[in-house]
Amino acid sequence: MSLEPDVTKYWFEVVEVGLESTPARDNWRKLMQNVVTHFPGHGTLFEEKYLEGKSEGKAEGKAEDILRVLTVRGVPVSDDVRQRVTACLDLDTLTAWFDRSLTASRAEDLFADATEGTTAS
């Protein structure tokens, strides 16, 4: 058996999938927190971490785009608005805010829909 990193990660995941929803699976996941998924759709720790990172990266990119649009348009952005935008990880909310950033006369106009603001961060 090879000890190459990709092969090792593969077998780590084989074990996790085999443990299913047993208490041992939770212990295994703690041990393997920093190891990439070979079994998409099985909800392994590697898959969760990968998807979490991918989603956070998209959210960060969208937040940067919103702030950039406002800056290029000459709309002042307060520290509070900047913090709220960069803290948000919900892609649907960020998409709505991006759309609003194209026409907003004030940065605070991004948050015009009060119900949306409650799920923003």
C-alpha atoms as a PDB file:
ATOM      1  CA  MET A   1       0.000   0.000   0.000  1.00  0.00           C
ATOM      2  CA  SER A   2       1.327   3.422  -0.947  1.00  0.00           C
ATOM      3  CA  LEU A   3       1.701   6.201   1.598  1.00  0.00           C
ATOM      4  CA  GLU A   4       1.329   8.949  -0.988  1.00  0.00           C
ATOM      5  CA  PRO A   5      -0.801  11.806   0.398  1.00  0.00           C
ATOM      6  CA  ASP A   6      -3.665  11.317  -2.097  1.00  0.00           C
ATOM      7  CA  VAL A   7      -3.827   7.570  -1.443  1.00  0.00           C
ATOM      8  CA  THR A   8      -3.705   8.107   2.307  1.00  0.00           C
ATOM      9  CA  LYS A   9      -6.516  10.666   2.156  1.00  0.00           C
ATOM     10  CA  TYR A  10      -8.569   8.260   0.051  1.00  0.00           C
ATOM     11  CA  TRP A  11      -8.298   5.512   2.662  1.00  0.00           C
ATOM     12  CA  PHE A  12      -9.063   7.943   5.486  1.00  0.00           C
ATOM     13  CA  GLU A  13     -12.326   8.672   3.713  1.00  0.00           C
ATOM     14  CA  VAL A  14     -13.079   5.006   3.074  1.00  0.00           C
ATOM     15  CA  VAL A  15     -12.906   4.461   6.825  1.00  0.00           C
ATOM     16  CA  GLU A  16     -15.209   7.412   7.544  1.00  0.00           C
ATOM     17  CA  VAL A  17     -17.820   6.280   5.028  1.00  0.00           C
ATOM     18  CA  GLY A  18     -17.716   2.791   6.576  1.00  0.00           C
ATOM     19  CA  LEU A  19     -18.257   4.154  10.084  1.00  0.00           C
ATOM     20  CA  GLU A  20     -21.576   5.663   8.930  1.00  0.00           C
ATOM     21  CA  SER A  21     -23.337   7.478  11.802  1.00  0.00           C
ATOM     22  CA  THR A  22     -21.661   5.707  14.722  1.00  0.00           C
ATOM     23  CA  PRO A  23     -19.952   7.468  17.655  1.00  0.00           C
ATOM     24  CA  ALA A  24     -16.638   6.240  16.254  1.00  0.00           C
ATOM     25  CA  ARG A  25     -17.261   8.369  13.145  1.00  0.00           C
ATOM     26  CA  ASP A  26     -17.318  11.522  15.288  1.00  0.00           C
ATOM     27  CA  ASN A  27     -13.973  10.581  16.831  1.00  0.00           C
ATOM     28  CA  TRP A  28     -12.545   9.778  13.394  1.00  0.00           C
ATOM     29  CA  ARG A  29     -13.667  13.168  12.063  1.00  0.00           C
ATOM     30  CA  LYS A  30     -11.878  14.955  14.924  1.00  0.00           C
ATOM     31  CA  LEU A  31      -8.695  13.094  14.079  1.00  0.00           C
ATOM     32  CA  MET A  32      -8.906  13.825  10.360  1.00  0.00           C
ATOM     33  CA  GLN A  33      -9.848  17.533  10.406  1.00  0.00           C
ATOM     34  CA  ASN A  34      -7.039  18.699   8.157  1.00  0.00           C
ATOM     35  CA  VAL A  35      -6.954  15.999   5.621  1.00  0.00           C
ATOM     36  CA  VAL A  36      -9.801  16.342   0.383  1.00  0.00           C
ATOM     37  CA  THR A  37     -12.826  14.307  -0.503  1.00  0.00           C
ATOM     38  CA  HIS A  38     -12.908  11.270  -2.762  1.00  0.00           C
ATOM     39  CA  PHE A  39     -16.549  10.496  -1.925  1.00  0.00           C
ATOM     40  CA  PRO A  40     -18.678  13.512  -2.869  1.00  0.00           C
ATOM     41  CA  GLY A  41     -22.179  13.457  -1.487  1.00  0.00           C
ATOM     42  CA  HIS A  42     -21.404  11.330   1.558  1.00  0.00           C
ATOM     43  CA  GLY A  43     -21.015  14.289   3.917  1.00  0.00           C
ATOM     44  CA  THR A  44     -17.515  13.409   5.047  1.00  0.00           C
ATOM     45  CA  LEU A  45     -15.541  15.954   7.022  1.00  0.00           C
ATOM     46  CA  PHE A  46     -13.204  16.537   4.063  1.00  0.00           C
ATOM     47  CA  GLU A  47     -16.155  17.280   1.819  1.00  0.00           C
ATOM     48  CA  GLU A  48     -17.737  19.621   4.387  1.00  0.00           C
ATOM     49  CA  LYS A  49     -14.487  21.543   4.892  1.00  0.00           C
ATOM     50  CA  TYR A  50     -13.947  21.801   1.138  1.00  0.00           C
ATOM     51  CA  LEU A  51     -17.477  23.066   0.483  1.00  0.00           C
ATOM     52  CA  GLU A  52     -17.310  25.429   3.448  1.00  0.00           C
ATOM     53  CA  GLY A  53     -14.085  26.940   2.157  1.00  0.00           C
ATOM     54  CA  LYS A  54     -15.445  27.176  -1.358  1.00  0.00           C
ATOM     55  CA  SER A  55     -18.612  28.925  -0.156  1.00  0.00           C
ATOM     56  CA  GLU A  56     -16.666  31.306   2.069  1.00  0.00           C
ATOM     57  CA  GLY A  57     -14.379  32.144  -0.841  1.00  0.00           C
ATOM     58  CA  LYS A  58     -17.342  32.951  -3.059  1.00  0.00           C
ATOM     59  CA  ALA A  59     -18.914  35.082  -0.334  1.00  0.00           C
ATOM     60  CA  GLU A  60     -15.669  36.970   0.245  1.00  0.00           C
ATOM     61  CA  GLY A  61     -15.350  37.611  -3.484  1.00  0.00           C
ATOM     62  CA  LYS A  62     -18.916  38.866  -3.746  1.00  0.00           C
ATOM     63  CA  ALA A  63     -18.470  41.130  -0.716  1.00  0.00           C
ATOM     64  CA  GLU A  64     -15.322  42.588  -2.293  1.00  0.00           C
ATOM     65  CA  ASP A  65     -17.230  43.167  -5.544  1.00  0.00           C
ATOM     66  CA  ILE A  66     -20.011  45.033  -3.718  1.00  0.00           C
ATOM     67  CA  LEU A  67     -17.553  47.303  -1.952  1.00  0.00           C
ATOM     68  CA  ARG A  68     -15.608  47.856  -5.183  1.00  0.00           C
ATOM     69  CA  VAL A  69     -18.746  48.861  -7.113  1.00  0.00           C
ATOM     70  CA  LEU A  70     -19.685  51.365  -4.418  1.00  0.00           C
ATOM     71  CA  THR A  71     -16.144  52.782  -4.352  1.00  0.00           C
ATOM     72  CA  VAL A  72     -15.918  53.114  -8.145  1.00  0.00           C
ATOM     73  CA  ARG A  73     -19.319  54.791  -8.186  1.00  0.00           C
ATOM     74  CA  GLY A  74     -18.127  57.271  -5.547  1.00  0.00           C
ATOM     75  CA  VAL A  75     -20.573  56.085  -2.880  1.00  0.00           C
ATOM     76  CA  PRO A  76     -19.050  56.526   0.601  1.00  0.00           C
ATOM     77  CA  VAL A  77     -18.855  53.289   2.597  1.00  0.00           C
ATOM     78  CA  SER A  78     -18.870  53.527   6.386  1.00  0.00           C
ATOM     79  CA  ASP A  79     -17.018  51.053   8.585  1.00  0.00           C
ATOM     80  CA  ASP A  80     -20.382  49.654   9.724  1.00  0.00           C
ATOM     81  CA  VAL A  81     -21.506  48.970   6.150  1.00  0.00           C
ATOM     82  CA  ARG A  82     -18.107  47.488   5.263  1.00  0.00           C
ATOM     83  CA  GLN A  83     -18.269  45.207   8.321  1.00  0.00           C
ATOM     84  CA  ARG A  84     -21.812  44.055   7.566  1.00  0.00           C
ATOM     85  CA  VAL A  85     -20.997  43.275   3.941  1.00  0.00           C
ATOM     86  CA  THR A  86     -17.752  41.436   4.674  1.00  0.00           C
ATOM     87  CA  ALA A  87     -19.301  39.447   7.550  1.00  0.00           C
ATOM     88  CA  CYS A  88     -22.146  38.130   5.403  1.00  0.00           C
ATOM     89  CA  LEU A  89     -21.717  34.551   4.122  1.00  0.00           C
ATOM     90  CA  ASP A  90     -25.167  34.149   2.555  1.00  0.00           C
ATOM     91  CA  LEU A  91     -24.690  34.165  -1.227  1.00  0.00           C
ATOM     92  CA  ASP A  92     -28.340  35.031  -1.965  1.00  0.00           C
ATOM     93  CA  THR A  93     -28.178  38.073   0.295  1.00  0.00           C
ATOM     94  CA  LEU A  94     -24.844  39.138  -1.171  1.00  0.00           C
ATOM     95  CA  THR A  95     -26.252  38.794  -4.694  1.00  0.00           C
ATOM     96  CA  ALA A  96     -29.174  41.046  -3.769  1.00  0.00           C
ATOM     97  CA  TRP A  97     -26.789  43.553  -2.218  1.00  0.00           C
ATOM     98  CA  PHE A  98     -24.563  43.458  -5.303  1.00  0.00           C
ATOM     99  CA  ASP A  99     -27.555  44.218  -7.534  1.00  0.00           C
ATOM    100  CA  ARG A 100     -28.461  47.145  -5.276  1.00  0.00           C
ATOM    101  CA  SER A 101     -24.869  48.400  -5.258  1.00  0.00           C
ATOM    102  CA  LEU A 102     -25.197  49.146  -8.966  1.00  0.00           C
ATOM    103  CA  THR A 103     -27.819  51.844  -8.360  1.00  0.00           C
ATOM    104  CA  ALA A 104     -27.671  52.738  -4.630  1.00  0.00           C
ATOM    105  CA  SER A 105     -27.190  56.404  -3.845  1.00  0.00           C
ATOM    106  CA  ARG A 106     -26.073  55.565  -0.280  1.00  0.00           C
ATOM    107  CA  ALA A 107     -24.248  52.436   0.894  1.00  0.00           C
ATOM    108  CA  GLU A 108     -26.970  51.886   3.514  1.00  0.00           C
ATOM    109  CA  ASP A 109     -29.460  51.401   0.652  1.00  0.00           C
ATOM    110  CA  LEU A 110     -27.991  47.919   0.186  1.00  0.00           C
ATOM    111  CA  PHE A 111     -29.944  46.856   3.265  1.00  0.00           C
ATOM    112  CA  ALA A 112     -33.295  48.361   2.211  1.00  0.00           C
ATOM    113  CA  ASP A 113     -35.275  45.146   2.783  1.00  0.00           C
ATOM    114  CA  ALA A 114     -35.500  44.760   6.588  1.00  0.00           C
ATOM    115  CA  THR A 115     -36.425  41.050   6.464  1.00  0.00           C
ATOM    116  CA  GLU A 116     -33.370  40.286   4.360  1.00  0.00           C
ATOM    117  CA  GLY A 117     -31.120  42.081   6.806  1.00  0.00           C
ATOM    118  CA  THR A 118     -31.943  39.576   9.547  1.00  0.00           C
ATOM    119  CA  THR A 119     -30.377  36.720   7.566  1.00  0.00           C
ATOM    120  CA  ALA A 120     -27.457  38.717   6.276  1.00  0.00           C
ATOM    121  CA  SER A 121     -24.693  37.508   8.503  1.00  0.00           C
END
